[in-house]
Amino acid sequence: MYILLALIAACALGVVVHYAIPHRDLRGVALVPATATAVAAAAYALGQWAGLKESNVWLWLIALGGAVVVSAAVGVILTRVRHHGDAVRRAELGV
């Protein structure tokens, strides 16, 4: 049941990360929060399988910290790739 709290917190943190990264108009509004939620789910499940209890702070730090770091990296990388691709396309079209 505690995994639901971790997923809700990760999704909320993903929304914060989405708005913290510049050029948010170049990526979808749900990409970064969805990535954060998926990473938190995987990290929480792996932590549980590794024997960490719900009361262990390391489980929460791994799940939520990993979610923030990975979703921020995905957002930054995707924004750079999209920005570069758009610039190349504009140059091809002569715009």
N, C-alpha and C. Protein backbone atom coordinates (compact mmCIF):
# COMPACT_ATOMS: atom_id res chain seq x y z
N MET A 1 0.81 -1.19 0.00
CA MET A 1 0.00 0.00 0.00
C MET A 1 0.85 1.27 0.00
N TYR A 2 2.03 1.18 0.62
CA TYR A 2 2.90 2.34 0.67
C TYR A 2 3.47 2.69 -0.70
N ILE A 3 3.49 1.74 -1.59
CA ILE A 3 3.99 2.04 -2.94
C ILE A 3 3.12 3.10 -3.61
N LEU A 4 1.84 3.14 -3.28
CA LEU A 4 0.96 4.17 -3.84
C LEU A 4 1.40 5.55 -3.40
N LEU A 5 1.82 5.70 -2.15
CA LEU A 5 2.32 6.99 -1.68
C LEU A 5 3.59 7.39 -2.42
N ALA A 6 4.46 6.41 -2.64
CA ALA A 6 5.69 6.69 -3.38
C ALA A 6 5.39 7.11 -4.82
N LEU A 7 4.42 6.48 -5.44
CA LEU A 7 4.09 6.81 -6.82
C LEU A 7 3.43 8.18 -6.94
N ILE A 8 2.57 8.52 -5.99
CA ILE A 8 1.94 9.84 -6.00
C ILE A 8 2.99 10.92 -5.78
N ALA A 9 3.89 10.69 -4.83
CA ALA A 9 4.96 11.66 -4.56
C ALA A 9 5.88 11.80 -5.77
N ALA A 10 6.21 10.68 -6.41
CA ALA A 10 7.07 10.74 -7.59
C ALA A 10 6.41 11.48 -8.73
N CYS A 11 5.14 11.28 -8.92
CA CYS A 11 4.43 11.99 -9.99
C CYS A 11 4.40 13.50 -9.70
N ALA A 12 4.16 13.86 -8.45
CA ALA A 12 4.17 15.28 -8.08
C ALA A 12 5.57 15.88 -8.27
N LEU A 13 6.59 15.14 -7.89
CA LEU A 13 7.95 15.61 -8.10
C LEU A 13 8.28 15.71 -9.60
N GLY A 14 7.73 14.80 -10.38
CA GLY A 14 7.91 14.86 -11.83
C GLY A 14 7.29 16.11 -12.43
N VAL A 15 6.16 16.53 -11.91
CA VAL A 15 5.53 17.77 -12.38
C VAL A 15 6.42 18.95 -12.04
N VAL A 16 7.00 18.95 -10.84
CA VAL A 16 7.92 20.02 -10.44
C VAL A 16 9.14 20.04 -11.36
N VAL A 17 9.68 18.88 -11.65
CA VAL A 17 10.85 18.79 -12.54
C VAL A 17 10.48 19.28 -13.94
N HIS A 18 9.30 18.93 -14.42
CA HIS A 18 8.87 19.36 -15.75
C HIS A 18 8.87 20.88 -15.85
N TYR A 19 8.35 21.54 -14.82
CA TYR A 19 8.30 23.00 -14.85
C TYR A 19 9.63 23.65 -14.51
N ALA A 20 10.55 22.92 -13.90
CA ALA A 20 11.86 23.47 -13.56
C ALA A 20 12.81 23.46 -14.75
N ILE A 21 12.62 22.55 -15.68
CA ILE A 21 13.50 22.46 -16.84
C ILE A 21 13.00 23.45 -17.91
N PRO A 22 13.91 24.27 -18.45
CA PRO A 22 13.46 25.23 -19.47
C PRO A 22 13.04 24.55 -20.78
N HIS A 23 12.36 25.31 -21.61
CA HIS A 23 11.88 24.87 -22.93
C HIS A 23 10.87 23.73 -22.79
N ARG A 24 9.97 23.84 -21.84
CA ARG A 24 8.99 22.77 -21.64
C ARG A 24 7.99 22.67 -22.79
N ASP A 25 7.96 23.68 -23.65
CA ASP A 25 7.06 23.61 -24.79
C ASP A 25 7.56 22.65 -25.87
N LEU A 26 8.80 22.16 -25.74
CA LEU A 26 9.35 21.24 -26.72
C LEU A 26 9.10 19.77 -26.39
N ARG A 27 8.52 19.49 -25.24
CA ARG A 27 8.25 18.10 -24.86
C ARG A 27 6.83 18.02 -24.32
N GLY A 28 6.30 16.84 -24.26
CA GLY A 28 4.94 16.64 -23.77
C GLY A 28 4.83 16.91 -22.29
N VAL A 29 3.64 17.28 -21.88
CA VAL A 29 3.43 17.64 -20.48
C VAL A 29 3.46 16.41 -19.57
N ALA A 30 3.21 15.24 -20.10
CA ALA A 30 3.14 14.04 -19.26
C ALA A 30 4.42 13.21 -19.28
N LEU A 31 5.36 13.54 -20.13
CA LEU A 31 6.55 12.70 -20.28
C LEU A 31 7.38 12.63 -19.01
N VAL A 32 7.75 13.75 -18.45
CA VAL A 32 8.62 13.77 -17.28
C VAL A 32 7.90 13.19 -16.05
N PRO A 33 6.66 13.57 -15.74
CA PRO A 33 5.99 12.93 -14.61
C PRO A 33 5.78 11.43 -14.78
N ALA A 34 5.49 11.00 -16.00
CA ALA A 34 5.32 9.57 -16.25
C ALA A 34 6.62 8.82 -16.06
N THR A 35 7.72 9.42 -16.51
CA THR A 35 9.03 8.80 -16.32
C THR A 35 9.36 8.70 -14.83
N ALA A 36 9.10 9.77 -14.10
CA ALA A 36 9.36 9.76 -12.66
C ALA A 36 8.54 8.68 -11.96
N THR A 37 7.30 8.54 -12.34
CA THR A 37 6.43 7.54 -11.72
C THR A 37 6.91 6.13 -12.04
N ALA A 38 7.29 5.89 -13.28
CA ALA A 38 7.76 4.55 -13.67
C ALA A 38 9.07 4.19 -12.96
N VAL A 39 9.97 5.14 -12.87
CA VAL A 39 11.25 4.89 -12.19
C VAL A 39 11.02 4.62 -10.71
N ALA A 40 10.14 5.40 -10.09
CA ALA A 40 9.84 5.19 -8.67
C ALA A 40 9.21 3.83 -8.44
N ALA A 41 8.33 3.41 -9.33
CA ALA A 41 7.69 2.09 -9.18
C ALA A 41 8.73 0.98 -9.26
N ALA A 42 9.61 1.09 -10.24
CA ALA A 42 10.64 0.06 -10.39
C ALA A 42 11.61 0.06 -9.21
N ALA A 43 12.04 1.25 -8.78
CA ALA A 43 12.99 1.33 -7.68
C ALA A 43 12.37 0.85 -6.37
N TYR A 44 11.12 1.20 -6.13
CA TYR A 44 10.44 0.77 -4.91
C TYR A 44 10.27 -0.75 -4.90
N ALA A 45 9.87 -1.29 -6.03
CA ALA A 45 9.69 -2.75 -6.11
C ALA A 45 11.02 -3.48 -5.94
N LEU A 46 12.07 -2.98 -6.57
CA LEU A 46 13.38 -3.61 -6.42
C LEU A 46 13.88 -3.50 -4.98
N GLY A 47 13.63 -2.37 -4.35
CA GLY A 47 14.01 -2.21 -2.95
C GLY A 47 13.27 -3.17 -2.04
N GLN A 48 12.00 -3.36 -2.32
CA GLN A 48 11.21 -4.32 -1.54
C GLN A 48 11.73 -5.73 -1.74
N TRP A 49 12.04 -6.09 -2.97
CA TRP A 49 12.57 -7.42 -3.24
C TRP A 49 13.95 -7.62 -2.62
N ALA A 50 14.70 -6.52 -2.46
CA ALA A 50 16.02 -6.60 -1.84
C ALA A 50 15.94 -6.72 -0.32
N GLY A 51 14.74 -6.56 0.21
CA GLY A 51 14.56 -6.75 1.65
C GLY A 51 14.39 -5.48 2.45
N LEU A 52 14.30 -4.33 1.79
CA LEU A 52 14.08 -3.08 2.51
C LEU A 52 12.62 -2.99 2.95
N LYS A 53 12.40 -2.58 4.17
CA LYS A 53 11.04 -2.43 4.70
C LYS A 53 10.48 -1.05 4.35
N GLU A 54 9.18 -0.90 4.49
CA GLU A 54 8.53 0.38 4.18
C GLU A 54 9.01 1.50 5.08
N SER A 55 9.44 1.17 6.27
CA SER A 55 9.89 2.19 7.22
C SER A 55 11.35 2.59 7.01
N ASN A 56 12.04 1.94 6.10
CA ASN A 56 13.45 2.22 5.85
C ASN A 56 13.57 3.46 4.97
N VAL A 57 14.32 4.45 5.43
CA VAL A 57 14.45 5.70 4.70
C VAL A 57 15.18 5.50 3.37
N TRP A 58 16.05 4.50 3.28
CA TRP A 58 16.78 4.26 2.04
C TRP A 58 15.85 3.85 0.91
N LEU A 59 14.80 3.13 1.22
CA LEU A 59 13.83 2.74 0.19
C LEU A 59 13.19 3.98 -0.43
N TRP A 60 12.83 4.93 0.41
CA TRP A 60 12.18 6.15 -0.07
C TRP A 60 13.17 7.05 -0.80
N LEU A 61 14.40 7.14 -0.30
CA LEU A 61 15.40 7.96 -0.98
C LEU A 61 15.76 7.39 -2.35
N ILE A 62 15.88 6.09 -2.42
CA ILE A 62 16.19 5.45 -3.70
C ILE A 62 15.05 5.65 -4.69
N ALA A 63 13.83 5.42 -4.23
CA ALA A 63 12.67 5.54 -5.13
C ALA A 63 12.44 6.97 -5.58
N LEU A 64 12.37 7.90 -4.64
CA LEU A 64 12.05 9.28 -5.00
C LEU A 64 13.26 10.02 -5.58
N GLY A 65 14.43 9.77 -5.02
CA GLY A 65 15.63 10.41 -5.56
C GLY A 65 15.94 9.92 -6.96
N GLY A 66 15.82 8.63 -7.16
CA GLY A 66 16.04 8.08 -8.50
C GLY A 66 15.03 8.61 -9.49
N ALA A 67 13.80 8.76 -9.05
CA ALA A 67 12.76 9.29 -9.93
C ALA A 67 13.08 10.71 -10.38
N VAL A 68 13.53 11.53 -9.45
CA VAL A 68 13.84 12.92 -9.78
C VAL A 68 15.05 12.99 -10.71
N VAL A 69 16.09 12.25 -10.40
CA VAL A 69 17.32 12.30 -11.20
C VAL A 69 17.08 11.78 -12.61
N VAL A 70 16.44 10.63 -12.73
CA VAL A 70 16.23 10.04 -14.05
C VAL A 70 15.25 10.88 -14.88
N SER A 71 14.18 11.35 -14.28
CA SER A 71 13.21 12.14 -15.04
C SER A 71 13.82 13.48 -15.46
N ALA A 72 14.66 14.07 -14.63
CA ALA A 72 15.33 15.32 -15.02
C ALA A 72 16.29 15.06 -16.18
N ALA A 73 17.02 13.96 -16.12
CA ALA A 73 17.94 13.63 -17.21
C ALA A 73 17.18 13.38 -18.51
N VAL A 74 16.08 12.65 -18.43
CA VAL A 74 15.28 12.40 -19.63
C VAL A 74 14.73 13.70 -20.19
N GLY A 75 14.25 14.57 -19.32
CA GLY A 75 13.71 15.85 -19.78
C GLY A 75 14.76 16.72 -20.44
N VAL A 76 15.95 16.80 -19.85
CA VAL A 76 17.01 17.63 -20.41
C VAL A 76 17.50 17.05 -21.74
N ILE A 77 17.72 15.76 -21.78
CA ILE A 77 18.21 15.13 -23.02
C ILE A 77 17.18 15.26 -24.13
N LEU A 78 15.93 14.97 -23.82
CA LEU A 78 14.90 15.08 -24.84
C LEU A 78 14.75 16.51 -25.35
N THR A 79 14.84 17.47 -24.47
CA THR A 79 14.74 18.87 -24.88
C THR A 79 15.89 19.26 -25.80
N ARG A 80 17.10 18.82 -25.46
CA ARG A 80 18.25 19.13 -26.32
C ARG A 80 18.12 18.47 -27.68
N VAL A 81 17.71 17.22 -27.70
CA VAL A 81 17.55 16.51 -28.97
C VAL A 81 16.47 17.17 -29.82
N ARG A 82 15.37 17.51 -29.20
CA ARG A 82 14.28 18.14 -29.93
C ARG A 82 14.68 19.52 -30.45
N HIS A 83 15.38 20.30 -29.62
CA HIS A 83 15.83 21.62 -30.03
C HIS A 83 16.80 21.53 -31.21
N HIS A 84 17.71 20.59 -31.15
CA HIS A 84 18.67 20.39 -32.24
C HIS A 84 17.96 19.92 -33.51
N GLY A 85 17.04 18.98 -33.37
CA GLY A 85 16.30 18.48 -34.52
C GLY A 85 15.46 19.55 -35.18
N ASP A 86 14.86 20.40 -34.37
CA ASP A 86 14.08 21.50 -34.93
C ASP A 86 14.96 22.49 -35.67
N ALA A 87 16.15 22.76 -35.13
CA ALA A 87 17.07 23.69 -35.78
C ALA A 87 17.54 23.13 -37.12
N VAL A 88 17.83 21.84 -37.15
CA VAL A 88 18.25 21.20 -38.41
C VAL A 88 17.12 21.26 -39.43
N ARG A 89 15.92 20.98 -38.99
CA ARG A 89 14.77 21.00 -39.91
C ARG A 89 14.51 22.41 -40.44
N ARG A 90 14.64 23.42 -39.57
CA ARG A 90 14.47 24.80 -40.03
C ARG A 90 15.53 25.16 -41.06
N ALA A 91 16.75 24.71 -40.85
CA ALA A 91 17.83 25.00 -41.80
C ALA A 91 17.56 24.31 -43.15
N GLU A 92 17.04 23.09 -43.10
CA GLU A 92 16.70 22.39 -44.34
C GLU A 92 15.62 23.10 -45.11
N LEU A 93 14.65 23.64 -44.39
CA LEU A 93 13.52 24.33 -45.03
C LEU A 93 13.84 25.77 -45.39
N GLY A 94 14.93 26.29 -44.85
CA GLY A 94 15.30 27.68 -45.12
C GLY A 94 14.45 28.68 -44.37
N VAL A 95 13.96 28.28 -43.24
CA VAL A 95 13.11 29.18 -42.44
C VAL A 95 13.94 29.93 -41.45
